[in-house]
Amino acid sequence: MGLQISRSEGVDSINVFQKVLEDVAGGAVITSSELPSGGYIEAGAFVYFNPSTRVAKVVKTAKLYAGAGNTDVEYQVPKGHAFKVGDYISHTVGGTAYAITEIDDSNDNYDVLTVGTTLGETLTEGDVLYESGATGASAGAYKYTASGILKNGFKVAANTAISIVVRGTVLEGNLPYGVTDAIKTALTSRVRFA
């Protein structure tokens, strides 16, 4: 029996693309093991794509639902984020990055990400947290560099095929998870943020 590829597309409530000029021909398969089991990833999520393996990974980001003090260890983010317990989160490249030890999803409006050690920054509502590839006091670097944007949302399952936009115009205000300057810089030669 060969590899069983499935495609799962949902209804995306908000259009994030003003214009799609180019996508990855043939699509890619998402690495679902790094995502919350049974979750849903919305169109407009940033992805890293390896053209030689045709495997994609979500560049996890989330806008803060509310501000946090420089000694806080709890960070409120909107529902639907892609973070899991064990992921390292950061706010500043070269700054602190620490593992999520707990995710409290009991509130109807937001989830609370708890880290073992504070990120040490005063953050405001709308600031963006991202997944770091390492942990420590100066380890805040992106785990994956964005090379495209998810065209359609999907339900997390093994061997799910996705479509990735690599050139076009994005409506920044409609992006579901938040965008940082570093992500914009990585994509700016091919993607315009309107």
Protein backbone atom coordinates (compact mmCIF):
# COMPACT_ATOMS: atom_id res chain seq x y z
CA MET A 1 0.00 0.00 0.00
CA GLY A 2 1.41 3.39 -1.02
CA LEU A 3 1.35 6.73 0.71
CA GLN A 4 -2.21 7.89 1.20
CA ILE A 5 -2.49 11.64 0.59
CA SER A 6 -5.67 13.40 1.63
CA ARG A 7 -6.91 16.90 0.96
CA SER A 8 -9.07 18.63 3.53
CA GLU A 9 -10.41 22.06 2.72
CA GLY A 10 -12.77 24.04 4.88
CA VAL A 11 -14.73 27.20 4.42
CA ASP A 12 -12.54 30.20 5.15
CA SER A 13 -14.64 33.06 6.46
CA ILE A 14 -12.32 35.92 5.49
CA ASN A 15 -10.42 36.25 2.23
CA VAL A 16 -6.75 36.97 2.88
CA PHE A 17 -5.65 37.30 -0.76
CA GLN A 18 -6.31 40.31 -2.94
CA LYS A 19 -4.45 38.68 -5.83
CA VAL A 20 -2.76 35.30 -6.29
CA LEU A 21 -0.08 35.39 -8.98
CA GLU A 22 1.67 32.08 -8.34
CA ASP A 23 1.33 29.03 -6.13
CA VAL A 24 3.41 25.89 -5.67
CA ALA A 25 2.56 23.63 -8.60
CA GLY A 26 1.28 20.32 -7.27
CA GLY A 27 1.08 21.61 -3.70
CA ALA A 28 2.83 20.07 -0.72
CA VAL A 29 2.21 17.81 2.26
CA ILE A 30 2.04 19.50 5.65
CA THR A 31 3.96 18.17 8.67
CA SER A 32 0.92 17.50 10.84
CA SER A 33 2.85 16.05 13.81
CA GLU A 34 3.96 19.59 14.75
CA LEU A 35 0.36 20.87 14.91
CA PRO A 36 -2.44 20.44 17.46
CA SER A 37 -4.18 17.13 16.72
CA GLY A 38 -7.62 17.66 15.21
CA GLY A 39 -7.11 21.43 15.00
CA TYR A 40 -7.84 23.68 12.04
CA ILE A 41 -5.24 25.89 10.36
CA GLU A 42 -6.72 28.90 8.57
CA ALA A 43 -5.82 30.28 5.15
CA GLY A 44 -3.19 32.98 5.53
CA ALA A 45 -0.91 31.00 7.86
CA PHE A 46 2.74 31.37 6.91
CA VAL A 47 4.56 28.22 5.81
CA TYR A 48 8.06 27.01 5.07
CA PHE A 49 8.24 24.83 1.94
CA ASN A 50 11.06 22.47 0.96
CA PRO A 51 10.81 22.01 -2.83
CA SER A 52 13.03 18.91 -2.90
CA THR A 53 10.89 16.94 -0.41
CA ARG A 54 7.57 18.73 -1.15
CA VAL A 55 7.02 18.97 2.62
CA ALA A 56 5.72 22.13 4.29
CA LYS A 57 5.77 23.30 7.90
CA VAL A 58 3.64 26.00 9.53
CA VAL A 59 5.51 29.09 10.73
CA LYS A 60 3.58 29.46 13.98
CA THR A 61 2.58 32.96 15.07
CA ALA A 62 -0.17 34.42 17.26
CA LYS A 63 -1.24 37.97 18.11
CA LEU A 64 -1.63 38.65 21.80
CA TYR A 65 -5.24 38.92 22.90
CA ALA A 66 -4.18 41.10 25.84
CA GLY A 67 -0.97 42.72 27.06
CA ALA A 68 1.49 41.05 29.43
CA GLY A 69 4.01 42.46 31.92
CA ASN A 70 7.75 41.82 31.82
CA THR A 71 7.49 39.31 34.70
CA ASP A 72 4.40 37.46 33.45
CA VAL A 73 4.58 33.80 32.45
CA GLU A 74 1.06 33.64 31.00
CA TYR A 75 0.21 34.98 27.54
CA GLN A 76 -3.32 35.22 26.16
CA VAL A 77 -3.73 34.42 22.44
CA PRO A 78 -6.89 34.05 20.32
CA LYS A 79 -8.43 30.61 19.85
CA GLY A 80 -7.33 28.66 16.79
CA HIS A 81 -3.57 29.20 17.14
CA ALA A 82 -1.18 26.41 16.08
CA PHE A 83 0.96 26.24 19.25
CA LYS A 84 1.40 23.03 21.27
CA VAL A 85 2.82 22.30 24.70
CA GLY A 86 6.60 22.01 24.28
CA ASP A 87 6.88 24.64 21.52
CA TYR A 88 9.36 27.43 22.27
CA ILE A 89 7.81 30.89 21.99
CA SER A 90 9.48 34.26 21.60
CA HIS A 91 8.62 37.83 20.73
CA THR A 92 12.00 39.29 19.75
CA VAL A 93 14.67 37.86 17.45
CA GLY A 94 17.76 37.39 19.62
CA GLY A 95 15.64 37.70 22.77
CA THR A 96 14.31 35.10 25.16
CA ALA A 97 12.51 31.95 24.06
CA TYR A 98 10.98 29.43 26.43
CA ALA A 99 8.85 26.30 26.18
CA ILE A 100 5.09 26.34 26.58
CA THR A 101 4.40 24.20 29.65
CA GLU A 102 0.60 24.44 29.61
CA ILE A 103 -2.22 25.66 27.37
CA ASP A 104 -5.44 26.59 29.17
CA ASP A 105 -8.34 26.60 26.71
CA SER A 106 -11.14 27.07 29.27
CA ASN A 107 -11.97 30.68 28.24
CA ASP A 108 -14.38 31.09 25.31
CA ASN A 109 -12.42 33.97 23.76
CA TYR A 110 -8.75 33.09 24.16
CA ASP A 111 -6.26 30.45 25.26
CA VAL A 112 -3.55 31.06 27.87
CA LEU A 113 -0.03 29.92 26.97
CA THR A 114 2.08 29.38 30.11
CA VAL A 115 5.89 29.28 29.97
CA GLY A 116 8.22 28.18 32.76
CA THR A 117 10.23 31.43 32.63
CA THR A 118 8.99 34.87 31.66
CA LEU A 119 9.88 36.25 28.24
CA GLY A 120 11.01 39.34 30.17
CA GLU A 121 9.29 41.92 27.96
CA THR A 122 6.32 44.19 28.43
CA LEU A 123 3.98 43.27 25.58
CA THR A 124 0.80 44.93 24.37
CA GLU A 125 -2.37 43.60 22.78
CA GLY A 126 -1.66 42.81 19.11
CA ASP A 127 2.06 42.07 19.60
CA VAL A 128 3.01 38.84 17.83
CA LEU A 129 4.55 35.76 19.44
CA TYR A 130 6.28 33.23 17.18
CA GLU A 131 7.77 29.74 17.46
CA SER A 132 11.51 29.70 18.09
CA GLY A 133 13.83 26.87 17.11
CA ALA A 134 15.69 26.91 20.45
CA THR A 135 15.22 27.91 24.08
CA GLY A 136 17.19 30.26 26.31
CA ALA A 137 17.92 33.86 27.21
CA SER A 138 19.08 34.86 23.71
CA ALA A 139 17.66 32.03 21.61
CA GLY A 140 14.73 33.84 20.00
CA ALA A 141 15.13 32.89 16.32
CA TYR A 142 12.42 31.61 14.01
CA LYS A 143 12.16 27.82 13.85
CA TYR A 144 11.26 28.08 10.14
CA THR A 145 11.67 30.92 7.64
CA ALA A 146 8.45 31.74 5.81
CA SER A 147 8.58 30.97 2.09
CA GLY A 148 4.86 31.07 1.29
CA ILE A 149 1.33 31.52 2.59
CA LEU A 150 -1.35 28.86 3.03
CA LYS A 151 -3.96 29.32 0.29
CA ASN A 152 -6.80 27.31 1.87
CA GLY A 153 -7.48 26.31 5.45
CA PHE A 154 -7.28 22.65 6.46
CA LYS A 155 -8.13 20.30 9.32
CA VAL A 156 -4.98 18.81 10.84
CA ALA A 157 -4.57 15.16 9.81
CA ALA A 158 -1.72 12.96 8.61
CA ASN A 159 -0.64 13.32 4.96
CA THR A 160 -2.78 16.37 4.23
CA ALA A 161 -2.05 18.08 0.93
CA ILE A 162 -2.04 21.88 0.95
CA SER A 163 -1.77 24.71 -1.56
CA ILE A 164 0.86 27.41 -0.99
CA VAL A 165 0.86 30.91 -2.50
CA VAL A 166 4.39 32.13 -3.25
CA ARG A 167 3.58 35.33 -5.18
CA GLY A 168 0.70 37.79 -4.86
CA THR A 169 -0.96 40.43 -2.71
CA VAL A 170 -2.14 39.73 0.85
CA LEU A 171 -4.65 41.76 2.84
CA GLU A 172 -2.57 42.15 6.01
CA GLY A 173 -5.52 43.07 8.22
CA ASN A 174 -7.22 39.76 7.35
CA LEU A 175 -4.29 37.50 8.28
CA PRO A 176 -5.49 35.16 11.03
CA TYR A 177 -2.34 34.75 13.13
CA GLY A 178 -0.35 37.95 12.87
CA VAL A 179 2.71 38.90 10.86
CA THR A 180 6.09 40.15 12.04
CA ASP A 181 8.60 42.38 10.24
CA ALA A 182 10.93 39.37 9.87
CA ILE A 183 8.24 37.40 8.01
CA LYS A 184 7.46 40.38 5.79
CA THR A 185 11.16 40.73 4.99
CA ALA A 186 11.43 37.02 4.10
CA LEU A 187 8.51 37.30 1.67
CA THR A 188 8.73 40.90 0.45
CA SER A 189 10.35 40.17 -2.94
CA ARG A 190 7.34 38.05 -3.93
CA VAL A 191 4.44 39.08 -1.69
CA ARG A 192 2.93 42.53 -1.26
CA PHE A 193 1.20 43.28 2.04
CA ALA A 194 -1.75 45.62 1.45
